[in-house]
Each structure stands twice: as C-alpha cells, then as structure tokens.
C-alpha cells in the first residue's frame, strides 16, 4: 500500500530547517542533521531534502501504520536519493489527520 493521498503530501519547511538539518536541535535533531548532511543535504537548499522525502514516500510502500483516535501515522522505509549519490536507507514518518487528506511529513531517521 502506498501512502494514502500521496498527491497531497507536503513537507513543512520548519521540519527541515528547524529539525532535520538543525545542528543546534536538542531533542534528536542534531544527530539527524549530522546524518543527512553527511549525504550532501544542506539547510541552504532545504527544498532538496523536502523533494527527496516526497520522492521517498512515492517510491516505497507503507511499512507500518499506527492508528490513533484523531490521526494515523504511516511509516515508509527505503532509500532516499541524496545529493552525493550514496542514497542511504531511511525511515520516514507521515501523519494524516482524521479530517484531512493531506499527508504531512513528521520525521525521518536512518535505518
């Protein structure tokens, strides 16, 4: 199964700039920033990572779901296309609120 409503999926700018590529983030973001930067992603070109995450969600099936009363979390696993071409394996997490048809990116980390 692919991520539902994939055509509406989006990656908030703040999730990339203030979390995934933020070397100053205190709750796990720093380690993720080091990881993603190692593969050529940069905060200056944050849109490159956002597009790679969208492509990742489109390329792979949902590995697991976690239904909650007001939303469902979807986990996607596989390679992400990176600027340096090494394409590491990651897990990305997406959420769809009960009253929405827009998957929103939540997090990503190495597998």
C-alpha atoms as a PDB file:
ATOM      1  CA  UNK A   1       0.000   0.000   0.000  1.00  0.00           C
ATOM      2  CA  UNK A   2       1.284   3.461  -0.900  1.00  0.00           C
ATOM      3  CA  UNK A   3       0.876   6.457   1.362  1.00  0.00           C
ATOM      4  CA  UNK A   4      -2.788   7.497   1.007  1.00  0.00           C
ATOM      5  CA  UNK A   5      -3.418  10.820  -0.749  1.00  0.00           C
ATOM      6  CA  UNK A   6       0.231  10.923  -1.832  1.00  0.00           C
ATOM      7  CA  UNK A   7      -0.538  13.657  -4.372  1.00  0.00           C
ATOM      8  CA  UNK A   8      -1.360  15.974  -1.438  1.00  0.00           C
ATOM      9  CA  UNK A   9       1.684  15.131   0.693  1.00  0.00           C
ATOM     10  CA  UNK A  10       3.795  18.009   1.941  1.00  0.00           C
ATOM     11  CA  UNK A  11       6.942  18.632   3.951  1.00  0.00           C
ATOM     12  CA  UNK A  12       6.808  21.738   6.169  1.00  0.00           C
ATOM     13  CA  UNK A  13       9.850  23.982   5.762  1.00  0.00           C
ATOM     14  CA  UNK A  14      10.243  24.195   9.551  1.00  0.00           C
ATOM     15  CA  UNK A  15      10.572  20.405   9.837  1.00  0.00           C
ATOM     16  CA  UNK A  16      13.638  20.558   7.620  1.00  0.00           C
ATOM     17  CA  UNK A  17      15.256  23.814   8.734  1.00  0.00           C
ATOM     18  CA  UNK A  18      14.448  23.721  12.445  1.00  0.00           C
ATOM     19  CA  UNK A  19      14.652  19.961  12.983  1.00  0.00           C
ATOM     20  CA  UNK A  20      16.210  17.594  10.429  1.00  0.00           C
ATOM     21  CA  UNK A  21      19.042  19.922   9.381  1.00  0.00           C
ATOM     22  CA  UNK A  22      19.393  21.851  12.635  1.00  0.00           C
ATOM     23  CA  UNK A  23      22.744  21.155  14.297  1.00  0.00           C
ATOM     24  CA  UNK A  24      21.521  23.038  17.390  1.00  0.00           C
ATOM     25  CA  UNK A  25      18.349  20.977  17.966  1.00  0.00           C
ATOM     26  CA  UNK A  26      18.401  19.434  21.436  1.00  0.00           C
ATOM     27  CA  UNK A  27      15.966  16.502  21.023  1.00  0.00           C
ATOM     28  CA  UNK A  28      17.460  14.248  18.361  1.00  0.00           C
ATOM     29  CA  UNK A  29      17.600  16.785  15.564  1.00  0.00           C
ATOM     30  CA  UNK A  30      21.350  17.299  15.857  1.00  0.00           C
ATOM     31  CA  UNK A  31      22.127  13.622  15.183  1.00  0.00           C
ATOM     32  CA  UNK A  32      19.701  13.604  12.261  1.00  0.00           C
ATOM     33  CA  UNK A  33      21.288  16.783  10.889  1.00  0.00           C
ATOM     34  CA  UNK A  34      24.729  15.198  11.013  1.00  0.00           C
ATOM     35  CA  UNK A  35      23.371  12.119   9.237  1.00  0.00           C
ATOM     36  CA  UNK A  36      21.588  13.967   6.432  1.00  0.00           C
ATOM     37  CA  UNK A  37      24.395  16.497   5.937  1.00  0.00           C
ATOM     38  CA  UNK A  38      26.843  13.612   5.541  1.00  0.00           C
ATOM     39  CA  UNK A  39      24.973  12.751   2.318  1.00  0.00           C
ATOM     40  CA  UNK A  40      25.109  16.287   0.914  1.00  0.00           C
ATOM     41  CA  UNK A  41      21.846  17.805   2.161  1.00  0.00           C
ATOM     42  CA  UNK A  42      22.159  21.419   3.348  1.00  0.00           C
ATOM     43  CA  UNK A  43      19.979  23.861   5.216  1.00  0.00           C
ATOM     44  CA  UNK A  44      20.580  26.465   2.477  1.00  0.00           C
ATOM     45  CA  UNK A  45      18.984  24.116  -0.076  1.00  0.00           C
ATOM     46  CA  UNK A  46      16.400  22.641   2.290  1.00  0.00           C
ATOM     47  CA  UNK A  47      13.991  22.079  -0.616  1.00  0.00           C
ATOM     48  CA  UNK A  48      16.297  19.343  -1.958  1.00  0.00           C
ATOM     49  CA  UNK A  49      15.671  17.268   1.179  1.00  0.00           C
ATOM     50  CA  UNK A  50      11.957  18.065   1.101  1.00  0.00           C
ATOM     51  CA  UNK A  51      11.696  16.835  -2.503  1.00  0.00           C
ATOM     52  CA  UNK A  52      13.768  13.751  -1.698  1.00  0.00           C
ATOM     53  CA  UNK A  53      11.406  12.904   1.169  1.00  0.00           C
ATOM     54  CA  UNK A  54       8.377  13.270  -1.099  1.00  0.00           C
ATOM     55  CA  UNK A  55      10.053  11.050  -3.706  1.00  0.00           C
ATOM     56  CA  UNK A  56      10.890   8.535  -0.967  1.00  0.00           C
ATOM     57  CA  UNK A  57       7.234   8.364   0.080  1.00  0.00           C
ATOM     58  CA  UNK A  58       6.183   7.874  -3.546  1.00  0.00           C
ATOM     59  CA  UNK A  59       8.761   5.181  -4.276  1.00  0.00           C
ATOM     60  CA  UNK A  60       8.085   2.780  -1.398  1.00  0.00           C
ATOM     61  CA  UNK A  61       5.119   1.089   0.185  1.00  0.00           C
ATOM     62  CA  UNK A  62       3.943   1.864   3.704  1.00  0.00           C
ATOM     63  CA  UNK A  63       5.824  -0.461   6.083  1.00  0.00           C
ATOM     64  CA  UNK A  64       3.512   0.077   9.065  1.00  0.00           C
ATOM     65  CA  UNK A  65       0.683   2.213  10.371  1.00  0.00           C
ATOM     66  CA  UNK A  66      -0.305   3.436  13.809  1.00  0.00           C
ATOM     67  CA  UNK A  67      -3.965   4.474  14.032  1.00  0.00           C
ATOM     68  CA  UNK A  68      -4.826   6.946  16.780  1.00  0.00           C
ATOM     69  CA  UNK A  69      -8.218   8.489  17.573  1.00  0.00           C
ATOM     70  CA  UNK A  70      -7.603  11.687  15.579  1.00  0.00           C
ATOM     71  CA  UNK A  71      -4.908  10.663  13.083  1.00  0.00           C
ATOM     72  CA  UNK A  72      -2.973   7.828  11.506  1.00  0.00           C
ATOM     73  CA  UNK A  73       0.809   7.630  11.360  1.00  0.00           C
ATOM     74  CA  UNK A  74       2.365   5.965   8.313  1.00  0.00           C
ATOM     75  CA  UNK A  75       5.936   4.665   8.174  1.00  0.00           C
ATOM     76  CA  UNK A  76       7.786   4.350   4.862  1.00  0.00           C
ATOM     77  CA  UNK A  77      11.173   2.640   4.568  1.00  0.00           C
ATOM     78  CA  UNK A  78      13.717   2.598   1.750  1.00  0.00           C
ATOM     79  CA  UNK A  79      16.478   4.570   0.028  1.00  0.00           C
ATOM     80  CA  UNK A  80      16.403   8.326  -0.172  1.00  0.00           C
ATOM     81  CA  UNK A  81      18.033   9.911  -3.205  1.00  0.00           C
ATOM     82  CA  UNK A  82      20.858  12.060  -1.841  1.00  0.00           C
ATOM     83  CA  UNK A  83      22.906  14.851  -3.425  1.00  0.00           C
ATOM     84  CA  UNK A  84      26.121  12.835  -3.165  1.00  0.00           C
ATOM     85  CA  UNK A  85      24.550   9.738  -4.759  1.00  0.00           C
ATOM     86  CA  UNK A  86      25.133   7.335  -1.864  1.00  0.00           C
ATOM     87  CA  UNK A  87      21.367   7.093  -1.171  1.00  0.00           C
ATOM     88  CA  UNK A  88      21.095   5.838   2.430  1.00  0.00           C
ATOM     89  CA  UNK A  89      18.237   3.738   3.788  1.00  0.00           C
ATOM     90  CA  UNK A  90      15.846   5.777   5.938  1.00  0.00           C
ATOM     91  CA  UNK A  91      12.522   5.507   7.681  1.00  0.00           C
ATOM     92  CA  UNK A  92      10.140   8.428   7.146  1.00  0.00           C
ATOM     93  CA  UNK A  93       7.028   9.079   9.206  1.00  0.00           C
ATOM     94  CA  UNK A  94       3.920  10.791   7.872  1.00  0.00           C
ATOM     95  CA  UNK A  95       0.637  11.685   9.543  1.00  0.00           C
ATOM     96  CA  UNK A  96      -2.853  12.169   8.171  1.00  0.00           C
ATOM     97  CA  UNK A  97      -5.328  13.862  10.490  1.00  0.00           C
ATOM     98  CA  UNK A  98      -8.795  12.267  10.580  1.00  0.00           C
ATOM     99  CA  UNK A  99     -10.435  15.267   8.907  1.00  0.00           C
ATOM    100  CA  UNK A 100      -7.707  15.718   6.283  1.00  0.00           C
ATOM    101  CA  UNK A 101      -6.493  14.207   3.034  1.00  0.00           C
ATOM    102  CA  UNK A 102      -3.022  15.780   3.261  1.00  0.00           C
ATOM    103  CA  UNK A 103      -0.165  13.583   4.468  1.00  0.00           C
ATOM    104  CA  UNK A 104       2.206  15.753   6.476  1.00  0.00           C
ATOM    105  CA  UNK A 105       5.838  14.801   7.000  1.00  0.00           C
ATOM    106  CA  UNK A 106       6.694  14.252  10.671  1.00  0.00           C
ATOM    107  CA  UNK A 107      10.190  12.794  10.901  1.00  0.00           C
ATOM    108  CA  UNK A 108      12.908  10.721   9.256  1.00  0.00           C
ATOM    109  CA  UNK A 109      15.884   8.818  10.529  1.00  0.00           C
ATOM    110  CA  UNK A 110      18.446   6.253   9.371  1.00  0.00           C
ATOM    111  CA  UNK A 111      17.598   2.589   9.193  1.00  0.00           C
END
